[in-house]
Amino acid sequence: MLIIQVHQAQRAGLARCVSLVLLYLMAAGCVPMHYPDNPAVAGQVTDARGGKPVSGAVIKLTRSPDDRTLTTTTSNASGGFAIAAKRHLGLLALGGDIFLPRLNVTASASGYLPAAAAVDPWRAWTGTLALEPAPAVP
């Protein structure tokens, strides 16, 4: 019984400590928040001229301005693709702006010119990336 009371007292002390740290951070203008590394991205890759699905297209989610690739996937037989959302815990400084990098989703496939679309880091993106056939090389 004594051991259980000691553990409960330790938990209560830890909970008070965590509460005080959070209260201090909020008083300093900081609030814990889940920041997006990338939103959920889903859609279809099609041929711009015929509208047929393009399977095996490489889909990249990149961050501007450094064009760093965050994740890559491949379109399926029906041209569909999906990238899951990823987030991390950080501190939001109240009164300050939140500057998140611009994101782009790009599709490329053999015989086609790449197609891209801008992605809002805070919102899921769903759309179609229509690939133009590459010009014939003489």
Protein backbone atom coordinates (compact mmCIF):
# COMPACT_ATOMS: atom_id res chain seq x y z
CA MET A 1 0.00 0.00 0.00
CA LEU A 2 2.85 2.36 0.86
CA ILE A 3 4.50 1.71 -2.53
CA ILE A 4 1.28 2.59 -4.37
CA GLN A 5 0.99 5.86 -2.42
CA VAL A 6 4.62 6.75 -3.26
CA HIS A 7 4.02 6.11 -7.00
CA GLN A 8 0.85 8.21 -6.91
CA ALA A 9 2.74 11.05 -5.21
CA GLN A 10 5.50 10.85 -7.85
CA ARG A 11 2.93 10.97 -10.66
CA ALA A 12 1.18 13.95 -9.07
CA GLY A 13 4.54 15.74 -8.74
CA LEU A 14 5.40 15.04 -12.39
CA ALA A 15 1.96 16.23 -13.52
CA ARG A 16 2.43 19.47 -11.54
CA CYS A 17 5.86 19.97 -13.05
CA VAL A 18 4.59 19.46 -16.62
CA SER A 19 1.67 21.82 -15.94
CA LEU A 20 4.03 24.50 -14.62
CA VAL A 21 6.33 24.19 -17.66
CA LEU A 22 3.36 24.52 -20.04
CA LEU A 23 2.01 27.49 -18.07
CA TYR A 24 5.43 29.16 -18.20
CA LEU A 25 5.73 28.60 -21.97
CA MET A 26 2.25 30.00 -22.59
CA ALA A 27 3.01 33.03 -20.40
CA ALA A 28 6.16 33.57 -22.47
CA GLY A 29 4.06 33.49 -25.63
CA CYS A 30 4.78 29.91 -26.71
CA VAL A 31 2.15 27.22 -27.29
CA PRO A 32 2.87 23.56 -28.10
CA MET A 33 1.56 22.71 -31.58
CA HIS A 34 1.74 20.03 -34.26
CA TYR A 35 3.50 21.52 -37.29
CA PRO A 36 3.06 19.91 -40.71
CA ASP A 37 6.12 18.37 -42.31
CA ASN A 38 3.86 17.67 -45.25
CA PRO A 39 0.10 17.44 -45.76
CA ALA A 40 -1.71 14.43 -47.21
CA VAL A 41 -1.34 14.48 -50.99
CA ALA A 42 -3.40 12.28 -53.31
CA GLY A 43 -4.50 12.28 -56.90
CA GLN A 44 -4.13 10.85 -60.35
CA VAL A 45 -1.58 11.20 -63.13
CA THR A 46 -3.08 11.33 -66.62
CA ASP A 47 -2.04 11.87 -70.23
CA ALA A 48 -2.91 15.52 -70.99
CA ARG A 49 -4.02 14.74 -74.54
CA GLY A 50 -6.10 11.63 -74.07
CA GLY A 51 -6.91 11.67 -70.36
CA LYS A 52 -5.74 8.08 -69.92
CA PRO A 53 -4.05 7.16 -66.64
CA VAL A 54 -0.25 7.09 -66.59
CA SER A 55 0.99 4.20 -64.45
CA GLY A 56 4.51 4.08 -63.05
CA ALA A 57 4.92 7.88 -62.91
CA VAL A 58 7.30 9.09 -60.21
CA ILE A 59 5.61 11.49 -57.78
CA LYS A 60 7.81 13.77 -55.66
CA LEU A 61 6.80 16.10 -52.87
CA THR A 62 9.46 18.82 -52.69
CA ARG A 63 10.10 21.85 -50.52
CA SER A 64 11.00 25.22 -52.02
CA PRO A 65 13.25 27.13 -52.36
CA ASP A 66 15.89 24.41 -51.93
CA ASP A 67 13.93 21.75 -53.89
CA ARG A 68 14.60 19.20 -51.18
CA THR A 69 12.60 16.00 -51.77
CA LEU A 70 10.44 15.19 -48.73
CA THR A 71 9.01 11.94 -50.07
CA THR A 72 8.57 9.99 -53.31
CA THR A 73 6.00 7.49 -54.53
CA THR A 74 4.86 5.90 -57.81
CA SER A 75 1.45 6.02 -59.51
CA ASN A 76 -0.46 2.74 -59.67
CA ALA A 77 -2.08 1.04 -62.70
CA SER A 78 -4.98 3.51 -62.66
CA GLY A 79 -2.60 6.49 -62.33
CA GLY A 80 -3.51 7.01 -58.68
CA PHE A 81 -1.10 7.96 -55.91
CA ALA A 82 -1.21 8.91 -52.22
CA ILE A 83 1.27 10.37 -49.75
CA ALA A 84 0.41 10.30 -46.03
CA ALA A 85 0.54 13.45 -43.90
CA LYS A 86 3.46 13.86 -41.48
CA ARG A 87 3.63 16.24 -38.51
CA HIS A 88 5.98 17.06 -35.65
CA LEU A 89 5.49 18.70 -32.26
CA GLY A 90 6.99 22.17 -31.84
CA LEU A 91 6.40 25.48 -30.07
CA LEU A 92 4.37 28.27 -31.64
CA ALA A 93 5.60 31.74 -30.64
CA LEU A 94 2.47 33.87 -30.24
CA GLY A 95 2.67 37.21 -31.96
CA GLY A 96 5.08 35.85 -34.53
CA ASP A 97 4.34 34.66 -38.01
CA ILE A 98 4.53 31.02 -38.95
CA PHE A 99 6.71 30.72 -42.01
CA LEU A 100 6.37 27.35 -43.63
CA PRO A 101 8.17 26.55 -46.86
CA ARG A 102 6.25 26.25 -50.10
CA LEU A 103 5.63 22.69 -51.23
CA ASN A 104 5.25 21.28 -54.74
CA VAL A 105 4.03 17.92 -55.99
CA THR A 106 5.63 16.86 -59.28
CA ALA A 107 4.90 13.92 -61.56
CA SER A 108 7.30 12.65 -64.22
CA ALA A 109 7.21 9.65 -66.53
CA SER A 110 9.17 8.39 -69.51
CA GLY A 111 7.96 9.99 -72.74
CA TYR A 112 6.28 12.92 -70.94
CA LEU A 113 7.18 16.40 -69.74
CA PRO A 114 6.93 16.79 -65.94
CA ALA A 115 3.82 18.40 -64.39
CA ALA A 116 3.72 20.17 -61.02
CA ALA A 117 1.26 21.81 -58.64
CA ALA A 118 1.71 23.99 -55.54
CA VAL A 119 0.64 22.44 -52.23
CA ASP A 120 -0.45 24.36 -49.11
CA PRO A 121 1.54 22.92 -46.15
CA TRP A 122 -1.53 23.26 -43.86
CA ARG A 123 -4.13 21.57 -46.09
CA ALA A 124 -4.52 18.19 -47.76
CA TRP A 125 -4.14 18.34 -51.55
CA THR A 126 -6.13 16.28 -54.03
CA GLY A 127 -5.87 16.76 -57.75
CA THR A 128 -4.85 15.58 -61.19
CA LEU A 129 -1.41 16.01 -62.71
CA ALA A 130 -1.78 15.97 -66.51
CA LEU A 131 1.46 15.07 -68.34
CA GLU A 132 2.10 16.47 -71.82
CA PRO A 133 3.81 14.06 -74.22
CA ALA A 134 7.46 14.98 -74.75
CA PRO A 135 8.27 16.40 -78.17
CA ALA A 136 9.82 13.97 -80.64
CA VAL A 137 13.59 14.28 -80.88
CA PRO A 138 14.77 14.41 -84.53
